[in-house]
Structures are given as structure tokens and as C-alpha cells.
Amino acid sequence: MDSSFWIVVAVVLALVVAGYAAVLLVRVFRARRLLLDAGVPLQSKALFWAAVVYTVSPVDLIPDPVYLDDVGVLLLALRALHSAAARSGAGREELKG
């Protein structure tokens, strides 16, 4: 196999992971907007902002062609926001969107 094949595969994988990170960022913003009035603890709101800052920050645990660390941070923030909303009584159907 030619080395250009592996370059194409690496670029496609990087684009797929970057797209997934973008989708997660949109989901985190949507969940954050829904949780503004939900009585969510300050710790969960701070976690949201930390995830957003980490995602857009040029400083990463893993260099930016690999977005696995960004995706992981966004997944943790999204899970924390959903569980905090569930504990505070926010409707589940509002958070799924």
C-alpha cells in the first residue's frame, strides 16, 4: 500500500473525530442553554465552562490533529450537566434534543 493511502486514511479519521467533537460541543451548548433556569449547582455550570475553554484552547493533553481528549472532556461535561439537571428536576424530554 502506498503511503498516500495512509495519509488519506489519517485525514479522514481526523475529520470524523473533529466532526464528532463539534456535534458534542453543540449538544453541550444546547444542554447549557436548557439548564440556565434549572437550579443546577454552580459546580456543574463551572464544569461546562471548563469543557468549552479546554475544547477551544490550543493547549491540549494530546496534540490537536487527535481530538480524543477534547471529545472526552465534552462527554464528561455533557454527562454531568444531564445528571445535574435530572437531580434538580429538569424534564428529561427537554434535555434529549
N, C-alpha and C. Protein backbone atom coordinates (compact mmCIF):
# COMPACT_ATOMS: atom_id res chain seq x y z
N MET A 1 0.84 -1.18 0.00
CA MET A 1 0.00 0.00 0.00
C MET A 1 0.89 1.24 0.00
N ASP A 2 0.42 2.20 -0.71
CA ASP A 2 1.16 3.44 -0.86
C ASP A 2 1.03 4.30 0.39
N SER A 3 2.03 5.13 0.65
CA SER A 3 1.98 6.00 1.84
C SER A 3 0.89 7.06 1.71
N SER A 4 0.53 7.43 0.51
CA SER A 4 -0.55 8.41 0.33
C SER A 4 -1.89 7.85 0.80
N PHE A 5 -2.07 6.53 0.70
CA PHE A 5 -3.29 5.90 1.20
C PHE A 5 -3.43 6.13 2.71
N TRP A 6 -2.33 5.91 3.45
CA TRP A 6 -2.36 6.07 4.89
C TRP A 6 -2.55 7.52 5.28
N ILE A 7 -2.04 8.44 4.49
CA ILE A 7 -2.27 9.87 4.75
C ILE A 7 -3.74 10.19 4.59
N VAL A 8 -4.35 9.66 3.55
CA VAL A 8 -5.78 9.90 3.32
C VAL A 8 -6.61 9.30 4.45
N VAL A 9 -6.25 8.09 4.88
CA VAL A 9 -6.97 7.45 5.99
C VAL A 9 -6.84 8.29 7.26
N ALA A 10 -5.64 8.77 7.55
CA ALA A 10 -5.43 9.59 8.75
C ALA A 10 -6.22 10.88 8.69
N VAL A 11 -6.27 11.52 7.53
CA VAL A 11 -7.02 12.77 7.38
C VAL A 11 -8.51 12.52 7.55
N VAL A 12 -9.01 11.44 6.97
CA VAL A 12 -10.44 11.12 7.09
C VAL A 12 -10.79 10.84 8.55
N LEU A 13 -9.95 10.07 9.23
CA LEU A 13 -10.22 9.80 10.64
C LEU A 13 -10.17 11.07 11.49
N ALA A 14 -9.22 11.94 11.22
CA ALA A 14 -9.14 13.20 11.96
C ALA A 14 -10.38 14.05 11.71
N LEU A 15 -10.87 14.07 10.48
CA LEU A 15 -12.08 14.85 10.17
C LEU A 15 -13.31 14.26 10.84
N VAL A 16 -13.40 12.94 10.91
CA VAL A 16 -14.55 12.30 11.57
C VAL A 16 -14.54 12.62 13.06
N VAL A 17 -13.40 12.52 13.70
CA VAL A 17 -13.30 12.82 15.13
C VAL A 17 -13.58 14.30 15.38
N ALA A 18 -13.07 15.18 14.52
CA ALA A 18 -13.33 16.61 14.67
C ALA A 18 -14.82 16.91 14.50
N GLY A 19 -15.47 16.24 13.58
CA GLY A 19 -16.91 16.41 13.40
C GLY A 19 -17.69 15.95 14.62
N TYR A 20 -17.26 14.84 15.21
CA TYR A 20 -17.91 14.33 16.41
C TYR A 20 -17.72 15.30 17.57
N ALA A 21 -16.53 15.88 17.67
CA ALA A 21 -16.28 16.87 18.72
C ALA A 21 -17.17 18.10 18.52
N ALA A 22 -17.36 18.51 17.28
CA ALA A 22 -18.22 19.66 17.01
C ALA A 22 -19.68 19.36 17.39
N VAL A 23 -20.14 18.16 17.07
CA VAL A 23 -21.50 17.77 17.44
C VAL A 23 -21.66 17.77 18.96
N LEU A 24 -20.67 17.24 19.66
CA LEU A 24 -20.73 17.23 21.12
C LEU A 24 -20.73 18.64 21.69
N LEU A 25 -19.94 19.52 21.11
CA LEU A 25 -19.91 20.90 21.58
C LEU A 25 -21.28 21.55 21.42
N VAL A 26 -21.95 21.30 20.30
CA VAL A 26 -23.29 21.83 20.09
C VAL A 26 -24.25 21.25 21.12
N ARG A 27 -24.14 19.95 21.41
CA ARG A 27 -25.01 19.34 22.41
C ARG A 27 -24.77 19.91 23.80
N VAL A 28 -23.51 20.19 24.12
CA VAL A 28 -23.20 20.79 25.42
C VAL A 28 -23.79 22.19 25.49
N PHE A 29 -23.65 22.99 24.43
CA PHE A 29 -24.25 24.33 24.44
C PHE A 29 -25.76 24.26 24.56
N ARG A 30 -26.39 23.32 23.87
CA ARG A 30 -27.84 23.17 23.94
C ARG A 30 -28.27 22.79 25.35
N ALA A 31 -27.55 21.86 25.97
CA ALA A 31 -27.87 21.45 27.33
C ALA A 31 -27.64 22.60 28.29
N ARG A 32 -26.59 23.37 28.09
CA ARG A 32 -26.30 24.51 28.97
C ARG A 32 -27.42 25.55 28.88
N ARG A 33 -27.89 25.79 27.67
CA ARG A 33 -28.96 26.77 27.50
C ARG A 33 -30.23 26.30 28.21
N LEU A 34 -30.50 25.00 28.17
CA LEU A 34 -31.68 24.47 28.84
C LEU A 34 -31.53 24.50 30.36
N LEU A 35 -30.30 24.43 30.84
CA LEU A 35 -30.08 24.34 32.28
C LEU A 35 -29.90 25.70 32.96
N LEU A 36 -30.01 26.78 32.22
CA LEU A 36 -29.82 28.10 32.83
C LEU A 36 -30.77 28.34 34.00
N ASP A 37 -32.01 27.95 33.85
CA ASP A 37 -33.01 28.20 34.89
C ASP A 37 -33.39 26.93 35.66
N ALA A 38 -32.59 25.90 35.58
CA ALA A 38 -32.98 24.62 36.15
C ALA A 38 -32.51 24.44 37.59
N GLY A 39 -31.84 25.40 38.16
CA GLY A 39 -31.35 25.26 39.52
C GLY A 39 -30.18 24.30 39.63
N VAL A 40 -29.39 24.22 38.59
CA VAL A 40 -28.24 23.32 38.57
C VAL A 40 -27.14 23.92 39.44
N PRO A 41 -26.44 23.12 40.22
CA PRO A 41 -25.38 23.63 41.09
C PRO A 41 -24.28 24.34 40.30
N LEU A 42 -23.61 25.27 40.97
CA LEU A 42 -22.54 26.04 40.35
C LEU A 42 -21.41 25.14 39.85
N GLN A 43 -21.16 24.05 40.53
CA GLN A 43 -20.09 23.13 40.13
C GLN A 43 -20.34 22.57 38.72
N SER A 44 -21.57 22.23 38.41
CA SER A 44 -21.90 21.70 37.09
C SER A 44 -21.78 22.77 36.03
N LYS A 45 -22.15 23.99 36.36
CA LYS A 45 -22.01 25.09 35.41
C LYS A 45 -20.54 25.40 35.16
N ALA A 46 -19.72 25.33 36.20
CA ALA A 46 -18.29 25.57 36.04
C ALA A 46 -17.66 24.48 35.18
N LEU A 47 -18.12 23.25 35.34
CA LEU A 47 -17.62 22.16 34.52
C LEU A 47 -17.92 22.40 33.05
N PHE A 48 -19.10 22.94 32.76
CA PHE A 48 -19.44 23.27 31.37
C PHE A 48 -18.44 24.27 30.81
N TRP A 49 -18.20 25.36 31.54
CA TRP A 49 -17.29 26.38 31.03
C TRP A 49 -15.86 25.86 30.90
N ALA A 50 -15.46 25.00 31.80
CA ALA A 50 -14.12 24.40 31.71
C ALA A 50 -14.01 23.53 30.45
N ALA A 51 -15.06 22.78 30.13
CA ALA A 51 -15.04 21.95 28.93
C ALA A 51 -14.98 22.80 27.67
N VAL A 52 -15.72 23.89 27.63
CA VAL A 52 -15.70 24.76 26.46
C VAL A 52 -14.33 25.40 26.30
N VAL A 53 -13.76 25.91 27.39
CA VAL A 53 -12.45 26.54 27.31
C VAL A 53 -11.39 25.52 26.89
N TYR A 54 -11.45 24.32 27.42
CA TYR A 54 -10.48 23.29 27.05
C TYR A 54 -10.61 22.92 25.58
N THR A 55 -11.83 22.84 25.08
CA THR A 55 -12.05 22.45 23.69
C THR A 55 -11.51 23.48 22.72
N VAL A 56 -11.69 24.75 23.00
CA VAL A 56 -11.23 25.79 22.07
C VAL A 56 -9.80 26.22 22.35
N SER A 57 -9.24 25.77 23.45
CA SER A 57 -7.88 26.15 23.81
C SER A 57 -6.86 25.44 22.93
N PRO A 58 -5.79 26.15 22.57
CA PRO A 58 -4.74 25.49 21.78
C PRO A 58 -3.87 24.54 22.63
N VAL A 59 -3.98 24.62 23.96
CA VAL A 59 -3.21 23.75 24.84
C VAL A 59 -4.04 22.49 25.10
N ASP A 60 -3.49 21.33 24.75
CA ASP A 60 -4.20 20.07 24.89
C ASP A 60 -3.29 19.02 25.51
N LEU A 61 -3.90 17.98 26.06
CA LEU A 61 -3.13 16.82 26.51
C LEU A 61 -2.56 16.05 25.33
N ILE A 62 -3.35 15.96 24.28
CA ILE A 62 -2.94 15.30 23.04
C ILE A 62 -2.97 16.37 21.95
N PRO A 63 -1.96 16.45 21.08
CA PRO A 63 -1.95 17.48 20.03
C PRO A 63 -3.22 17.46 19.18
N ASP A 64 -3.59 18.62 18.63
CA ASP A 64 -4.90 18.81 18.04
C ASP A 64 -5.27 18.00 16.80
N PRO A 65 -4.38 17.41 16.02
CA PRO A 65 -4.92 16.54 14.98
C PRO A 65 -5.70 15.35 15.56
N VAL A 66 -5.47 15.04 16.84
CA VAL A 66 -6.20 13.97 17.52
C VAL A 66 -7.11 14.64 18.56
N TYR A 67 -8.41 14.56 18.35
CA TYR A 67 -9.37 15.27 19.21
C TYR A 67 -9.95 14.38 20.30
N LEU A 68 -9.30 13.28 20.61
CA LEU A 68 -9.86 12.36 21.59
C LEU A 68 -9.99 12.98 22.97
N ASP A 69 -9.02 13.77 23.39
CA ASP A 69 -9.11 14.39 24.70
C ASP A 69 -10.22 15.43 24.74
N ASP A 70 -10.40 16.18 23.66
CA ASP A 70 -11.49 17.16 23.60
C ASP A 70 -12.85 16.47 23.66
N VAL A 71 -12.99 15.38 22.92
CA VAL A 71 -14.24 14.62 22.93
C VAL A 71 -14.52 14.06 24.32
N GLY A 72 -13.49 13.56 24.98
CA GLY A 72 -13.66 13.03 26.33
C GLY A 72 -14.11 14.08 27.32
N VAL A 73 -13.51 15.25 27.25
CA VAL A 73 -13.90 16.34 28.16
C VAL A 73 -15.33 16.77 27.89
N LEU A 74 -15.70 16.87 26.62
CA LEU A 74 -17.07 17.26 26.30
C LEU A 74 -18.08 16.20 26.74
N LEU A 75 -17.72 14.92 26.59
CA LEU A 75 -18.62 13.86 27.05
C LEU A 75 -18.82 13.92 28.57
N LEU A 76 -17.74 14.14 29.31
CA LEU A 76 -17.87 14.26 30.76
C LEU A 76 -18.73 15.45 31.16
N ALA A 77 -18.54 16.58 30.49
CA ALA A 77 -19.33 17.77 30.81
C ALA A 77 -20.80 17.55 30.48
N LEU A 78 -21.06 16.93 29.34
CA LEU A 78 -22.45 16.67 28.95
C LEU A 78 -23.13 15.71 29.91
N ARG A 79 -22.42 14.66 30.31
CA ARG A 79 -22.99 13.71 31.26
C ARG A 79 -23.26 14.38 32.61
N ALA A 80 -22.33 15.22 33.07
CA ALA A 80 -22.52 15.92 34.35
C ALA A 80 -23.69 16.88 34.29
N LEU A 81 -23.85 17.59 33.17
CA LEU A 81 -24.97 18.53 33.03
C LEU A 81 -26.30 17.79 33.02
N HIS A 82 -26.37 16.66 32.32
CA HIS A 82 -27.61 15.90 32.28
C HIS A 82 -27.96 15.32 33.65
N SER A 83 -26.97 14.79 34.36
CA SER A 83 -27.27 14.22 35.67
C SER A 83 -27.63 15.31 36.68
N ALA A 84 -26.99 16.48 36.59
CA ALA A 84 -27.34 17.59 37.48
C ALA A 84 -28.74 18.09 37.20
N ALA A 85 -29.13 18.11 35.94
CA ALA A 85 -30.48 18.54 35.59
C ALA A 85 -31.51 17.54 36.08
N ALA A 86 -31.18 16.26 35.97
CA ALA A 86 -32.11 15.24 36.45
C ALA A 86 -32.29 15.32 37.96
N ARG A 87 -31.20 15.59 38.67
CA ARG A 87 -31.30 15.72 40.13
C ARG A 87 -32.08 16.97 40.54
N SER A 88 -31.99 18.02 39.71
CA SER A 88 -32.68 19.26 40.08
C SER A 88 -34.13 19.28 39.61
N GLY A 89 -34.55 18.25 38.87
CA GLY A 89 -35.94 18.16 38.47
C GLY A 89 -36.23 18.66 37.07
N ALA A 90 -35.22 18.93 36.25
CA ALA A 90 -35.46 19.36 34.88
C ALA A 90 -36.03 18.19 34.10
N GLY A 91 -36.92 18.50 33.15
CA GLY A 91 -37.56 17.45 32.37
C GLY A 91 -36.60 16.74 31.44
N ARG A 92 -36.66 15.42 31.41
CA ARG A 92 -35.78 14.62 30.54
C ARG A 92 -36.02 14.92 29.08
N GLU A 93 -37.26 15.13 28.67
CA GLU A 93 -37.54 15.37 27.25
C GLU A 93 -36.93 16.66 26.76
N GLU A 94 -36.71 17.64 27.64
CA GLU A 94 -36.07 18.88 27.24
C GLU A 94 -34.59 18.67 26.98
N LEU A 95 -33.96 17.75 27.70
CA LEU A 95 -32.51 17.56 27.61
C LEU A 95 -32.09 16.66 26.47
N LYS A 96 -33.02 15.88 25.90
CA LYS A 96 -32.63 14.95 24.84
C LYS A 96 -32.30 15.66 23.55
N GLY A 97 -32.91 16.79 23.25
CA GLY A 97 -32.74 17.50 22.00
C GLY A 97 -31.41 17.92 21.77
